[in-house]
Amino acid sequence: MDELIEYASLVFESCQLAFDWFYSPVAALGYRRPIELCETSEGRQEIMGVLRKIEFGEFS
C-alpha cells in the first residue's frame, strides 16, 4: 500500500491529490475507489496500471 501511495504522490505531484484520488470513485476502475482495491494483489495491479496511464497521458 505504501508503494502505491508513494507512486500516486509522484504521479499527481502532491500527497493531498494522491490521497483524494484514493478515496474518490475512478472511472477507469469501474467507478470504484482505489482504496477499496488495495487489499488484493489484483486490485493493486489494477491501480498501478491506471496510475501508469495517468503518468504517461494514456486516456483511452
Protein backbone atom coordinates (compact mmCIF):
# COMPACT_ATOMS: atom_id res chain seq x y z
CA MET A 1 0.00 0.00 0.00
CA ASP A 2 2.80 2.44 0.88
CA GLU A 3 4.35 1.85 -2.54
CA LEU A 4 1.06 2.74 -4.25
CA ILE A 5 0.62 5.93 -2.25
CA GLU A 6 4.20 6.96 -2.91
CA TYR A 7 3.81 6.33 -6.64
CA ALA A 8 0.47 8.17 -6.75
CA SER A 9 2.09 11.13 -4.97
CA LEU A 10 4.75 11.24 -7.68
CA VAL A 11 2.19 10.94 -10.48
CA PHE A 12 -0.04 13.67 -9.06
CA GLU A 13 2.91 15.69 -7.74
CA SER A 14 1.04 16.08 -4.45
CA CYS A 15 0.38 13.89 -1.43
CA GLN A 16 -3.00 15.52 -0.92
CA LEU A 17 -4.11 14.95 -4.53
CA ALA A 18 -2.98 11.31 -4.29
CA PHE A 19 -4.95 10.87 -1.06
CA ASP A 20 -8.03 12.46 -2.60
CA TRP A 21 -7.73 10.20 -5.66
CA PHE A 22 -7.53 7.05 -3.49
CA TYR A 23 -10.81 7.96 -1.80
CA SER A 24 -12.73 9.05 -4.93
CA PRO A 25 -14.55 6.89 -7.49
CA VAL A 26 -12.35 6.43 -10.57
CA ALA A 27 -13.96 5.79 -13.97
CA ALA A 28 -11.02 3.67 -15.16
CA LEU A 29 -11.62 1.40 -12.16
CA GLY A 30 -15.32 0.95 -12.84
CA TYR A 31 -16.15 3.87 -10.54
CA ARG A 32 -14.66 2.02 -7.60
CA ARG A 33 -12.46 3.86 -5.13
CA PRO A 34 -8.79 2.78 -5.32
CA ILE A 35 -8.68 2.35 -1.54
CA GLU A 36 -11.27 -0.44 -1.91
CA LEU A 37 -8.96 -2.38 -4.23
CA CYS A 38 -5.79 -2.22 -2.15
CA GLU A 39 -6.45 -5.43 -0.23
CA THR A 40 -5.77 -7.80 -3.13
CA SER A 41 -2.77 -8.13 -5.41
CA GLU A 42 -5.08 -7.97 -8.44
CA GLY A 43 -6.57 -4.74 -7.16
CA ARG A 44 -3.14 -3.23 -6.53
CA GLN A 45 -2.08 -4.19 -10.06
CA GLU A 46 -5.20 -2.53 -11.44
CA ILE A 47 -4.41 0.65 -9.51
CA MET A 48 -0.79 0.65 -10.73
CA GLY A 49 -1.99 0.24 -14.31
CA VAL A 50 -4.29 3.24 -14.03
CA LEU A 51 -1.58 5.34 -12.38
CA ARG A 52 0.85 4.46 -15.18
CA LYS A 53 -1.73 5.52 -17.77
CA ILE A 54 -2.23 8.82 -15.95
CA GLU A 55 1.52 9.34 -15.69
CA PHE A 56 2.08 8.76 -19.41
CA GLY A 57 -1.08 10.50 -20.60
CA GLU A 58 -2.85 7.42 -21.97
CA PHE A 59 -6.53 8.29 -21.77
CA SER A 60 -8.15 5.50 -23.78
